[in-house]
Amino acid sequence: MKLNELRDNPGAAKKRTRVARGPGSGKGKMGGRGIKGQKSRSGVAINGYEGGQMPLYQRLPKRGFNKPNRKAFAVVNLGLIQKFIDAGKLDAATITEDSLVESGLVRRKKDGIRILAKGEFSAKSTITVTGASKAAVEAVEKAGGTLTVATAAAAE
């Protein structure tokens, strides 16, 4: 075998269809776009437009209500906090929202940090955050620590 004899396996490489390149191509003259009209022309894409028929997104019913000023909290589980304490990335004695961000456990505070009770927690620590679930507060107190929920006004 020589270099000039190398070929792809049959059917491995499919030739690209060259649209509007003469009648012999099978996609000549109008290039498969039909006759006249908006869609036959270049640079036109009407997303969601259904030719005058009411578009699907308008036919479907609207449900519910999106509160424009709702708060978005960064959520942290107790198990993750314990993992970071064990790894030495967090100081177990006092944990604040700023220390959680510095340790890399939370990327950004958003409207505050809320703690949930998923996972095991055994460190005796004082935690101050914007929000916490009842189960999380119980879990921290059971471990011998305290979890204080600061009001939104104090956090800002």
Protein backbone atom coordinates (compact mmCIF):
# COMPACT_ATOMS: atom_id res chain seq x y z
CA MET A 1 0.00 0.00 0.00
CA LYS A 2 1.20 3.46 -0.90
CA LEU A 3 0.17 6.88 0.38
CA ASN A 4 -1.68 7.68 -2.83
CA GLU A 5 -3.78 4.52 -2.40
CA LEU A 6 -5.19 5.54 1.00
CA ARG A 7 -8.97 5.97 0.95
CA ASP A 8 -11.75 6.34 3.51
CA ASN A 9 -13.94 3.33 4.07
CA PRO A 10 -16.92 3.37 1.72
CA GLY A 11 -19.69 5.49 3.29
CA ALA A 12 -17.38 7.03 5.91
CA ALA A 13 -17.18 10.48 4.34
CA LYS A 14 -20.37 11.98 2.94
CA LYS A 15 -20.01 14.89 0.52
CA ARG A 16 -21.59 18.17 1.59
CA THR A 17 -24.62 19.24 -0.46
CA ARG A 18 -23.76 22.39 -2.37
CA VAL A 19 -27.06 24.21 -2.60
CA ALA A 20 -27.99 26.35 -5.64
CA ARG A 21 -25.09 25.18 -7.83
CA GLY A 22 -26.90 24.30 -11.05
CA PRO A 23 -29.59 21.85 -12.15
CA GLY A 24 -27.33 18.82 -12.05
CA SER A 25 -26.93 19.06 -8.27
CA GLY A 26 -30.57 18.28 -7.57
CA LYS A 27 -30.69 21.43 -5.43
CA GLY A 28 -30.30 23.99 -8.19
CA LYS A 29 -32.19 27.12 -9.21
CA MET A 30 -34.09 28.03 -6.00
CA GLY A 31 -31.95 25.84 -3.76
CA GLY A 32 -34.83 24.04 -2.04
CA ARG A 33 -36.40 27.25 -0.75
CA GLY A 34 -39.55 27.18 -2.87
CA ILE A 35 -40.89 30.15 -4.80
CA LYS A 36 -40.73 33.77 -3.55
CA GLY A 37 -41.97 34.75 -0.12
CA GLN A 38 -40.25 35.84 3.05
CA LYS A 39 -38.60 32.51 3.79
CA SER A 40 -37.01 32.25 0.35
CA ARG A 41 -34.99 35.37 1.04
CA SER A 42 -31.78 35.49 3.05
CA GLY A 43 -31.46 36.85 6.56
CA VAL A 44 -35.00 36.08 7.68
CA ALA A 45 -35.79 33.99 10.74
CA ILE A 46 -39.12 34.49 12.44
CA ASN A 47 -38.93 32.55 15.68
CA GLY A 48 -42.28 31.72 17.18
CA TYR A 49 -44.15 33.20 14.21
CA GLU A 50 -46.77 30.86 12.80
CA GLY A 51 -47.94 32.70 9.70
CA GLY A 52 -50.68 34.70 11.36
CA GLN A 53 -51.98 31.79 13.45
CA MET A 54 -51.80 32.53 17.17
CA PRO A 55 -48.33 31.31 18.27
CA LEU A 56 -48.13 28.37 20.64
CA TYR A 57 -46.60 30.38 23.47
CA GLN A 58 -49.62 32.72 23.34
CA ARG A 59 -52.18 29.90 23.13
CA LEU A 60 -50.99 28.27 26.34
CA PRO A 61 -52.55 29.48 29.61
CA LYS A 62 -50.64 31.68 31.99
CA ARG A 63 -50.38 30.26 35.50
CA GLY A 64 -49.19 31.58 38.81
CA PHE A 65 -47.37 34.73 39.79
CA ASN A 66 -43.70 35.66 39.87
CA LYS A 67 -42.93 37.97 42.75
CA PRO A 68 -40.77 40.78 41.32
CA ASN A 69 -38.95 41.49 44.60
CA ARG A 70 -38.50 37.96 45.93
CA LYS A 71 -35.29 37.17 47.77
CA ALA A 72 -32.80 34.61 46.49
CA PHE A 73 -30.72 32.93 49.18
CA ALA A 74 -27.50 31.00 48.80
CA VAL A 75 -28.31 27.59 50.31
CA VAL A 76 -25.80 25.57 52.36
CA ASN A 77 -26.27 22.19 54.02
CA LEU A 78 -24.89 21.49 57.49
CA GLY A 79 -23.09 18.39 56.19
CA LEU A 80 -21.02 20.55 53.82
CA ILE A 81 -20.12 22.98 56.61
CA GLN A 82 -18.94 20.01 58.72
CA LYS A 83 -16.87 18.74 55.78
CA PHE A 84 -15.14 22.13 55.44
CA ILE A 85 -14.50 22.28 59.20
CA ASP A 86 -12.93 18.79 59.09
CA ALA A 87 -10.76 19.83 56.13
CA GLY A 88 -9.58 22.89 58.09
CA LYS A 89 -11.02 25.38 55.60
CA LEU A 90 -13.46 26.83 58.15
CA ASP A 91 -12.87 27.92 61.75
CA ALA A 92 -15.34 25.91 63.84
CA ALA A 93 -15.67 28.46 66.67
CA THR A 94 -17.46 31.26 64.82
CA ILE A 95 -18.98 30.98 61.39
CA THR A 96 -20.39 34.05 59.61
CA GLU A 97 -21.63 34.62 56.09
CA ASP A 98 -18.32 36.29 55.20
CA SER A 99 -16.28 33.34 56.46
CA LEU A 100 -18.43 30.96 54.38
CA VAL A 101 -17.69 33.01 51.26
CA GLU A 102 -13.95 33.25 52.05
CA SER A 103 -13.67 29.49 52.55
CA GLY A 104 -15.15 28.93 49.09
CA LEU A 105 -18.18 27.02 50.37
CA VAL A 106 -20.50 29.70 48.96
CA ARG A 107 -19.70 31.62 45.81
CA ARG A 108 -21.69 34.76 46.68
CA LYS A 109 -24.08 35.83 49.40
CA LYS A 110 -26.98 36.93 47.15
CA ASP A 111 -29.72 38.17 49.55
CA GLY A 112 -28.19 36.18 52.40
CA ILE A 113 -27.21 32.63 53.24
CA ARG A 114 -29.74 30.06 54.41
CA ILE A 115 -28.69 26.88 56.20
CA LEU A 116 -30.51 23.56 55.79
CA ALA A 117 -30.17 20.44 57.95
CA LYS A 118 -29.03 17.86 55.38
CA GLY A 119 -26.03 15.82 56.53
CA GLU A 120 -24.32 15.15 59.86
CA PHE A 121 -23.11 18.04 62.03
CA SER A 122 -20.97 17.55 65.13
CA ALA A 123 -18.87 20.72 65.53
CA LYS A 124 -19.54 23.00 68.49
CA SER A 125 -19.80 26.35 66.73
CA THR A 126 -21.56 29.70 66.73
CA ILE A 127 -23.16 30.33 63.35
CA THR A 128 -24.68 33.66 62.28
CA VAL A 129 -26.61 33.69 59.00
CA THR A 130 -29.65 35.31 57.36
CA GLY A 131 -31.85 32.21 57.42
CA ALA A 132 -32.02 28.65 58.69
CA SER A 133 -34.53 25.81 58.80
CA LYS A 134 -35.90 24.67 62.18
CA ALA A 135 -34.21 21.29 61.74
CA ALA A 136 -30.85 23.02 61.11
CA VAL A 137 -31.18 25.09 64.30
CA GLU A 138 -32.01 21.92 66.27
CA ALA A 139 -29.06 20.02 64.75
CA VAL A 140 -26.56 22.77 65.67
CA GLU A 141 -27.93 23.06 69.22
CA LYS A 142 -27.81 19.26 69.59
CA ALA A 143 -24.10 19.42 68.69
CA GLY A 144 -23.64 22.00 71.45
CA GLY A 145 -23.46 25.15 69.34
CA THR A 146 -25.76 28.05 68.54
CA LEU A 147 -27.30 29.14 65.25
CA THR A 148 -28.49 32.74 65.19
CA VAL A 149 -30.63 34.07 62.39
CA ALA A 150 -29.84 37.72 61.72
CA THR A 151 -32.67 39.87 60.41
CA ALA A 152 -32.51 41.08 56.82
CA ALA A 153 -32.08 44.70 57.95
CA ALA A 154 -28.98 43.81 60.01
CA ALA A 155 -27.47 41.84 57.12
CA GLU A 156 -27.62 44.80 54.70
